[in-house]
Amino acid sequence: MSSLPPLTSLAEIEERFGEKTAQEVRRAANLLVQRQFLYAGDRGVAAVYGLLGSNRYRLYFETLFDALGYQFLHSDSEQWVGLLPDPDLDTLPRLRLDHTLILLLLAHTWQEEVQRGATEARALVVTTVNELFDRYRDRVGRHRKEALTPARLLDLLRDFARRGLVQIGAFDPEAQDHQLDIRPMVNRLITSDALTRLERYAPDLEARITQAGEQADAEAPPTLFDSSEDAAR
């Protein structure tokens, strides 16, 4: 029996599978736009991931997000879906400098642990917030007095958690720390070696963060989660 032709519109989905399925597909697309990345292991996401990752609706989602200026990404082995801005468009918000720094640090940490073979299921890297701050001091803060405090780092990580890129565990009062799960999507956002870029960025970014403080979003840092190499130079 031949497979059904791909679905390219919500009207086709509703006609073939009913209004309820069409509404579920709409909600799935809306949630992905809000979050940018969805990980199948998150609570309440499995059904949405099932729709977004289904070959049945793939062409519809690709067409929809392309019209909105995004590239639709899906990793079946790592079980996530996500959106990246079209690099030819320059209409999206830009990352603040401190976000750029921590994104590079997350990517480098993930790459380093993968090379060591220290990953969990679905290419997950498990560390802690304190361990990440130690890496920040070793790789970045050595250039000058640290511009980011542990509290500020945690705030930045919460921003990335809302995008689905990391998961922050509950506070452990004994360890005075949070478990931090770094998801493989961070590696898709950085096209070249993260450590090289982190080392190149560190002195300049740290100085500008220190000088500008909470207002440091000038001089065109990379577009929000832009994967292009040119944007990071």
C-alpha atoms as a PDB file:
ATOM      1  CA  MET A   1       0.000   0.000   0.000  1.00  0.00           C
ATOM      2  CA  SER A   2       1.405   3.401  -0.983  1.00  0.00           C
ATOM      3  CA  SER A   3       1.992   6.004   1.695  1.00  0.00           C
ATOM      4  CA  LEU A   4      -0.237   9.036   1.983  1.00  0.00           C
ATOM      5  CA  PRO A   5       1.024  12.215   0.267  1.00  0.00           C
ATOM      6  CA  PRO A   6       2.617  14.797   2.595  1.00  0.00           C
ATOM      7  CA  LEU A   7       0.347  17.362   4.181  1.00  0.00           C
ATOM      8  CA  THR A   8       1.119  20.987   3.371  1.00  0.00           C
ATOM      9  CA  SER A   9      -1.724  22.909   5.016  1.00  0.00           C
ATOM     10  CA  LEU A  10      -3.796  22.884   8.171  1.00  0.00           C
ATOM     11  CA  ALA A  11      -6.925  22.569   6.033  1.00  0.00           C
ATOM     12  CA  GLU A  12      -5.629  19.306   4.597  1.00  0.00           C
ATOM     13  CA  ILE A  13      -4.827  18.007   8.078  1.00  0.00           C
ATOM     14  CA  GLU A  14      -8.303  18.876   9.310  1.00  0.00           C
ATOM     15  CA  GLU A  15      -9.951  17.322   6.256  1.00  0.00           C
ATOM     16  CA  ARG A  16      -8.024  14.065   6.613  1.00  0.00           C
ATOM     17  CA  PHE A  17      -7.736  13.691  10.388  1.00  0.00           C
ATOM     18  CA  GLY A  18     -10.377  15.959  11.864  1.00  0.00           C
ATOM     19  CA  GLU A  19     -10.596  19.272  13.697  1.00  0.00           C
ATOM     20  CA  LYS A  20      -9.154  17.916  16.953  1.00  0.00           C
ATOM     21  CA  THR A  21      -5.913  16.812  15.280  1.00  0.00           C
ATOM     22  CA  ALA A  22      -5.646  20.104  13.410  1.00  0.00           C
ATOM     23  CA  GLN A  23      -5.953  22.023  16.680  1.00  0.00           C
ATOM     24  CA  GLU A  24      -3.294  19.818  18.294  1.00  0.00           C
ATOM     25  CA  VAL A  25      -0.960  20.504  15.372  1.00  0.00           C
ATOM     26  CA  ARG A  26      -1.567  24.257  15.738  1.00  0.00           C
ATOM     27  CA  ARG A  27      -0.829  24.107  19.478  1.00  0.00           C
ATOM     28  CA  ALA A  28       2.360  22.147  18.842  1.00  0.00           C
ATOM     29  CA  ALA A  29       3.589  24.738  16.337  1.00  0.00           C
ATOM     30  CA  ASN A  30       2.685  27.583  18.694  1.00  0.00           C
ATOM     31  CA  LEU A  31       4.557  25.983  21.604  1.00  0.00           C
ATOM     32  CA  LEU A  32       7.680  25.516  19.505  1.00  0.00           C
ATOM     33  CA  VAL A  33       7.613  29.169  18.442  1.00  0.00           C
ATOM     34  CA  GLN A  34       7.338  30.193  22.109  1.00  0.00           C
ATOM     35  CA  ARG A  35      10.090  27.885  23.389  1.00  0.00           C
ATOM     36  CA  GLN A  36      12.318  27.610  20.280  1.00  0.00           C
ATOM     37  CA  PHE A  37      13.506  24.129  21.329  1.00  0.00           C
ATOM     38  CA  LEU A  38      11.518  21.198  22.721  1.00  0.00           C
ATOM     39  CA  TYR A  39      13.066  18.118  24.309  1.00  0.00           C
ATOM     40  CA  ALA A  40      11.037  14.887  24.332  1.00  0.00           C
ATOM     41  CA  GLY A  41      12.072  14.086  27.905  1.00  0.00           C
ATOM     42  CA  ASP A  42      10.435  17.187  29.378  1.00  0.00           C
ATOM     43  CA  ARG A  43       7.214  16.789  31.302  1.00  0.00           C
ATOM     44  CA  GLY A  44       4.161  17.276  29.122  1.00  0.00           C
ATOM     45  CA  VAL A  45       6.161  17.521  25.892  1.00  0.00           C
ATOM     46  CA  ALA A  46       6.044  13.911  24.635  1.00  0.00           C
ATOM     47  CA  ALA A  47       2.757  14.276  22.733  1.00  0.00           C
ATOM     48  CA  VAL A  48       3.805  17.603  21.202  1.00  0.00           C
ATOM     49  CA  TYR A  49       7.172  16.178  20.215  1.00  0.00           C
ATOM     50  CA  GLY A  50       5.358  13.243  18.621  1.00  0.00           C
ATOM     51  CA  LEU A  51       3.458  15.617  16.344  1.00  0.00           C
ATOM     52  CA  LEU A  52       6.424  17.844  15.510  1.00  0.00           C
ATOM     53  CA  GLY A  53       8.663  14.862  14.855  1.00  0.00           C
ATOM     54  CA  SER A  54       6.158  12.951  12.747  1.00  0.00           C
ATOM     55  CA  ASN A  55       6.952  12.455   9.073  1.00  0.00           C
ATOM     56  CA  ARG A  56       3.220  12.802   8.441  1.00  0.00           C
ATOM     57  CA  TYR A  57       3.300  16.512   9.285  1.00  0.00           C
ATOM     58  CA  ARG A  58       6.928  17.285   8.454  1.00  0.00           C
ATOM     59  CA  LEU A  59       6.271  19.178   5.218  1.00  0.00           C
ATOM     60  CA  TYR A  60       3.545  21.249   6.859  1.00  0.00           C
ATOM     61  CA  PHE A  61       5.823  22.329   9.715  1.00  0.00           C
ATOM     62  CA  GLU A  62       8.775  23.012   7.412  1.00  0.00           C
ATOM     63  CA  THR A  63       6.588  25.147   5.133  1.00  0.00           C
ATOM     64  CA  LEU A  64       4.997  26.997   8.058  1.00  0.00           C
ATOM     65  CA  PHE A  65       8.240  27.854   9.832  1.00  0.00           C
ATOM     66  CA  ASP A  66      10.008  28.749   6.603  1.00  0.00           C
ATOM     67  CA  ALA A  67       7.292  31.339   5.980  1.00  0.00           C
ATOM     68  CA  LEU A  68       8.004  32.734   9.455  1.00  0.00           C
ATOM     69  CA  GLY A  69      11.739  32.973   8.764  1.00  0.00           C
ATOM     70  CA  TYR A  70      12.921  29.874  10.625  1.00  0.00           C
ATOM     71  CA  GLN A  71      14.659  26.635   9.780  1.00  0.00           C
ATOM     72  CA  PHE A  72      12.896  23.643  11.339  1.00  0.00           C
ATOM     73  CA  LEU A  73      15.318  21.142  12.950  1.00  0.00           C
ATOM     74  CA  HIS A  74      14.658  17.645  14.234  1.00  0.00           C
ATOM     75  CA  SER A  75      16.974  15.052  15.758  1.00  0.00           C
ATOM     76  CA  ASP A  76      15.333  11.654  16.016  1.00  0.00           C
ATOM     77  CA  SER A  77      18.279  10.060  17.861  1.00  0.00           C
ATOM     78  CA  GLU A  78      18.518  12.859  20.449  1.00  0.00           C
ATOM     79  CA  GLN A  79      14.746  13.416  20.441  1.00  0.00           C
ATOM     80  CA  TRP A  80      14.408  17.159  20.125  1.00  0.00           C
ATOM     81  CA  VAL A  81      12.964  19.674  17.696  1.00  0.00           C
ATOM     82  CA  GLY A  82      13.905  23.313  17.297  1.00  0.00           C
ATOM     83  CA  LEU A  83      13.949  26.475  15.257  1.00  0.00           C
ATOM     84  CA  LEU A  84      16.871  28.533  14.009  1.00  0.00           C
ATOM     85  CA  PRO A  85      16.533  31.940  12.362  1.00  0.00           C
ATOM     86  CA  ASP A  86      17.081  32.174   8.630  1.00  0.00           C
ATOM     87  CA  PRO A  87      20.632  33.576   8.367  1.00  0.00           C
ATOM     88  CA  ASP A  88      19.585  35.664   5.359  1.00  0.00           C
ATOM     89  CA  LEU A  89      17.159  37.648   7.512  1.00  0.00           C
ATOM     90  CA  ASP A  90      18.239  40.329   9.964  1.00  0.00           C
ATOM     91  CA  THR A  91      14.951  41.065  11.687  1.00  0.00           C
ATOM     92  CA  LEU A  92      15.279  39.026  14.890  1.00  0.00           C
ATOM     93  CA  PRO A  93      16.458  40.106  18.368  1.00  0.00           C
ATOM     94  CA  ARG A  94      20.136  39.839  19.179  1.00  0.00           C
ATOM     95  CA  LEU A  95      21.809  38.129  22.092  1.00  0.00           C
ATOM     96  CA  ARG A  96      23.174  40.278  24.873  1.00  0.00           C
ATOM     97  CA  LEU A  97      26.889  39.960  25.396  1.00  0.00           C
ATOM     98  CA  ASP A  98      26.650  37.991  28.624  1.00  0.00           C
ATOM     99  CA  HIS A  99      24.222  35.541  26.997  1.00  0.00           C
ATOM    100  CA  THR A 100      26.688  35.101  24.128  1.00  0.00           C
ATOM    101  CA  LEU A 101      29.476  34.318  26.564  1.00  0.00           C
ATOM    102  CA  ILE A 102      27.484  31.708  28.475  1.00  0.00           C
ATOM    103  CA  LEU A 103      26.136  30.111  25.296  1.00  0.00           C
ATOM    104  CA  LEU A 104      29.720  29.604  24.101  1.00  0.00           C
ATOM    105  CA  LEU A 105      30.651  28.215  27.516  1.00  0.00           C
ATOM    106  CA  LEU A 106      27.719  25.771  27.454  1.00  0.00           C
ATOM    107  CA  ALA A 107      28.653  24.609  23.956  1.00  0.00           C
ATOM    108  CA  HIS A 108      32.296  24.118  24.898  1.00  0.00           C
ATOM    109  CA  THR A 109      31.340  22.199  28.042  1.00  0.00           C
ATOM    110  CA  TRP A 110      29.029  19.933  26.033  1.00  0.00           C
ATOM    111  CA  GLN A 111      31.702  19.322  23.365  1.00  0.00           C
ATOM    112  CA  GLU A 112      34.367  18.563  25.953  1.00  0.00           C
ATOM    113  CA  GLU A 113      32.203  16.055  27.824  1.00  0.00           C
ATOM    114  CA  VAL A 114      31.147  14.338  24.599  1.00  0.00           C
ATOM    115  CA  GLN A 115      34.792  13.906  23.646  1.00  0.00           C
ATOM    116  CA  ARG A 116      35.381  12.298  27.041  1.00  0.00           C
ATOM    117  CA  GLY A 117      32.414   9.989  26.501  1.00  0.00           C
ATOM    118  CA  ALA A 118      30.696  11.452  29.574  1.00  0.00           C
ATOM    119  CA  THR A 119      27.157  11.752  28.226  1.00  0.00           C
ATOM    120  CA  GLU A 120      23.805  10.401  29.339  1.00  0.00           C
ATOM    121  CA  ALA A 121      20.966   9.130  27.138  1.00  0.00           C
ATOM    122  CA  ARG A 122      19.981  11.471  24.280  1.00  0.00           C
ATOM    123  CA  ALA A 123      23.462  13.065  24.315  1.00  0.00           C
ATOM    124  CA  LEU A 124      22.753  14.846  27.599  1.00  0.00           C
ATOM    125  CA  VAL A 125      25.671  16.282  29.578  1.00  0.00           C
ATOM    126  CA  VAL A 126      25.142  16.509  33.335  1.00  0.00           C
ATOM    127  CA  THR A 127      27.088  19.018  35.422  1.00  0.00           C
ATOM    128  CA  THR A 128      26.219  21.631  38.060  1.00  0.00           C
ATOM    129  CA  VAL A 129      25.840  25.397  38.120  1.00  0.00           C
ATOM    130  CA  ASN A 130      28.864  25.736  40.413  1.00  0.00           C
ATOM    131  CA  GLU A 131      30.993  23.606  38.097  1.00  0.00           C
ATOM    132  CA  LEU A 132      29.964  25.767  35.149  1.00  0.00           C
ATOM    133  CA  PHE A 133      30.890  28.906  37.087  1.00  0.00           C
ATOM    134  CA  ASP A 134      34.310  27.387  37.802  1.00  0.00           C
ATOM    135  CA  ARG A 135      34.734  26.798  34.064  1.00  0.00           C
ATOM    136  CA  TYR A 136      33.725  30.402  33.445  1.00  0.00           C
ATOM    137  CA  ARG A 137      36.404  31.647  35.838  1.00  0.00           C
ATOM    138  CA  ASP A 138      39.020  29.355  34.330  1.00  0.00           C
ATOM    139  CA  ARG A 139      38.256  30.173  30.700  1.00  0.00           C
ATOM    140  CA  VAL A 140      36.979  33.727  30.850  1.00  0.00           C
ATOM    141  CA  GLY A 141      37.317  35.386  34.238  1.00  0.00           C
ATOM    142  CA  ARG A 142      41.090  34.983  34.268  1.00  0.00           C
ATOM    143  CA  HIS A 143      41.302  37.869  31.799  1.00  0.00           C
ATOM    144  CA  ARG A 144      40.080  40.319  34.419  1.00  0.00           C
ATOM    145  CA  LYS A 145      37.900  40.538  37.503  1.00  0.00           C
ATOM    146  CA  GLU A 146      34.797  38.453  36.800  1.00  0.00           C
ATOM    147  CA  ALA A 147      31.963  40.500  35.345  1.00  0.00           C
ATOM    148  CA  LEU A 148      29.418  37.763  36.064  1.00  0.00           C
ATOM    149  CA  THR A 149      28.519  36.659  39.575  1.00  0.00           C
ATOM    150  CA  PRO A 150      27.140  33.186  40.407  1.00  0.00           C
ATOM    151  CA  ALA A 151      23.691  34.743  40.833  1.00  0.00           C
ATOM    152  CA  ARG A 152      23.874  36.408  37.424  1.00  0.00           C
ATOM    153  CA  LEU A 153      25.022  33.145  35.862  1.00  0.00           C
ATOM    154  CA  LEU A 154      21.987  31.385  37.313  1.00  0.00           C
ATOM    155  CA  ASP A 155      19.711  34.090  35.876  1.00  0.00           C
ATOM    156  CA  LEU A 156      21.262  33.613  32.430  1.00  0.00           C
ATOM    157  CA  LEU A 157      20.882  29.855  32.657  1.00  0.00           C
ATOM    158  CA  ARG A 158      17.204  30.298  33.497  1.00  0.00           C
ATOM    159  CA  ASP A 159      16.824  32.253  30.254  1.00  0.00           C
ATOM    160  CA  PHE A 160      18.369  29.336  28.343  1.00  0.00           C
ATOM    161  CA  ALA A 161      16.169  26.892  30.260  1.00  0.00           C
ATOM    162  CA  ARG A 162      13.090  28.723  28.999  1.00  0.00           C
ATOM    163  CA  ARG A 163      14.408  28.066  25.477  1.00  0.00           C
ATOM    164  CA  GLY A 164      14.785  24.366  26.224  1.00  0.00           C
ATOM    165  CA  LEU A 165      18.586  24.356  25.936  1.00  0.00           C
ATOM    166  CA  VAL A 166      19.331  23.391  29.547  1.00  0.00           C
ATOM    167  CA  GLN A 167      17.466  22.084  32.565  1.00  0.00           C
ATOM    168  CA  ILE A 168      18.210  23.383  36.049  1.00  0.00           C
ATOM    169  CA  GLY A 169      17.571  21.024  38.957  1.00  0.00           C
ATOM    170  CA  ALA A 170      16.226  21.917  42.373  1.00  0.00           C
ATOM    171  CA  PHE A 171      18.591  23.628  44.792  1.00  0.00           C
ATOM    172  CA  ASP A 172      20.581  21.168  46.918  1.00  0.00           C
ATOM    173  CA  PRO A 173      21.051  22.885  50.307  1.00  0.00           C
ATOM    174  CA  GLU A 174      23.803  20.465  51.330  1.00  0.00           C
ATOM    175  CA  ALA A 175      25.880  21.004  48.189  1.00  0.00           C
ATOM    176  CA  GLN A 176      24.713  24.618  47.829  1.00  0.00           C
ATOM    177  CA  ASP A 177      24.309  23.890  44.123  1.00  0.00           C
ATOM    178  CA  HIS A 178      21.909  23.003  41.303  1.00  0.00           C
ATOM    179  CA  GLN A 179      22.287  20.100  38.893  1.00  0.00           C
ATOM    180  CA  LEU A 180      22.572  21.409  35.336  1.00  0.00           C
ATOM    181  CA  ASP A 181      21.659  19.302  32.305  1.00  0.00           C
ATOM    182  CA  ILE A 182      23.136  20.646  29.063  1.00  0.00           C
ATOM    183  CA  ARG A 183      21.237  19.463  26.030  1.00  0.00           C
ATOM    184  CA  PRO A 184      22.767  18.663  22.632  1.00  0.00           C
ATOM    185  CA  MET A 185      20.950  21.504  20.892  1.00  0.00           C
ATOM    186  CA  VAL A 186      23.594  23.938  22.171  1.00  0.00           C
ATOM    187  CA  ASN A 187      26.073  22.379  19.780  1.00  0.00           C
ATOM    188  CA  ARG A 188      23.849  23.201  16.805  1.00  0.00           C
ATOM    189  CA  LEU A 189      24.015  26.879  17.688  1.00  0.00           C
ATOM    190  CA  ILE A 190      27.803  27.106  17.475  1.00  0.00           C
ATOM    191  CA  THR A 191      29.281  26.126  14.139  1.00  0.00           C
ATOM    192  CA  SER A 192      32.991  26.255  14.989  1.00  0.00           C
ATOM    193  CA  ASP A 193      35.023  25.141  17.976  1.00  0.00           C
ATOM    194  CA  ALA A 194      33.450  26.754  21.021  1.00  0.00           C
ATOM    195  CA  LEU A 195      36.664  26.981  23.030  1.00  0.00           C
ATOM    196  CA  THR A 196      38.480  28.844  20.263  1.00  0.00           C
ATOM    197  CA  ARG A 197      35.654  31.334  20.000  1.00  0.00           C
ATOM    198  CA  LEU A 198      35.335  31.612  23.770  1.00  0.00           C
ATOM    199  CA  GLU A 199      39.035  32.399  24.125  1.00  0.00           C
ATOM    200  CA  ARG A 200      38.825  34.944  21.296  1.00  0.00           C
ATOM    201  CA  TYR A 201      35.749  36.622  22.734  1.00  0.00           C
ATOM    202  CA  ALA A 202      36.711  36.616  26.382  1.00  0.00           C
ATOM    203  CA  PRO A 203      38.829  39.761  26.848  1.00  0.00           C
ATOM    204  CA  ASP A 204      36.623  41.962  24.671  1.00  0.00           C
ATOM    205  CA  LEU A 205      33.291  40.657  25.919  1.00  0.00           C
ATOM    206  CA  GLU A 206      34.277  40.760  29.559  1.00  0.00           C
ATOM    207  CA  ALA A 207      35.444  44.361  29.231  1.00  0.00           C
ATOM    208  CA  ARG A 208      32.249  45.412  27.493  1.00  0.00           C
ATOM    209  CA  ILE A 209      30.029  43.601  29.993  1.00  0.00           C
ATOM    210  CA  THR A 210      31.860  45.246  32.872  1.00  0.00           C
ATOM    211  CA  GLN A 211      31.618  48.698  31.306  1.00  0.00           C
ATOM    212  CA  ALA A 212      28.025  48.475  30.170  1.00  0.00           C
ATOM    213  CA  GLY A 213      26.534  46.319  32.937  1.00  0.00           C
ATOM    214  CA  GLU A 214      22.875  45.685  32.435  1.00  0.00           C
ATOM    215  CA  GLN A 215      22.833  47.901  29.328  1.00  0.00           C
ATOM    216  CA  ALA A 216      25.425  45.839  27.418  1.00  0.00           C
ATOM    217  CA  ASP A 217      23.636  44.923  24.242  1.00  0.00           C
ATOM    218  CA  ALA A 218      25.447  47.150  21.765  1.00  0.00           C
ATOM    219  CA  GLU A 219      27.838  46.492  18.873  1.00  0.00           C
ATOM    220  CA  ALA A 220      25.793  43.750  17.180  1.00  0.00           C
ATOM    221  CA  PRO A 221      26.474  40.486  18.999  1.00  0.00           C
ATOM    222  CA  PRO A 222      25.170  37.345  17.255  1.00  0.00           C
ATOM    223  CA  THR A 223      21.521  37.134  16.258  1.00  0.00           C
ATOM    224  CA  LEU A 224      19.420  35.208  18.774  1.00  0.00           C
ATOM    225  CA  PHE A 225      20.757  31.649  18.641  1.00  0.00           C
ATOM    226  CA  ASP A 226      22.272  32.269  15.209  1.00  0.00           C
ATOM    227  CA  SER A 227      24.361  29.348  13.992  1.00  0.00           C
ATOM    228  CA  SER A 228      26.308  31.296  11.384  1.00  0.00           C
ATOM    229  CA  GLU A 229      30.062  31.730  11.803  1.00  0.00           C
ATOM    230  CA  ASP A 230      30.079  35.259  10.433  1.00  0.00           C
ATOM    231  CA  ALA A 231      27.658  36.473  13.079  1.00  0.00           C
ATOM    232  CA  ALA A 232      30.088  35.619  15.841  1.00  0.00           C
ATOM    233  CA  ARG A 233      33.087  37.444  14.474  1.00  0.00           C
END
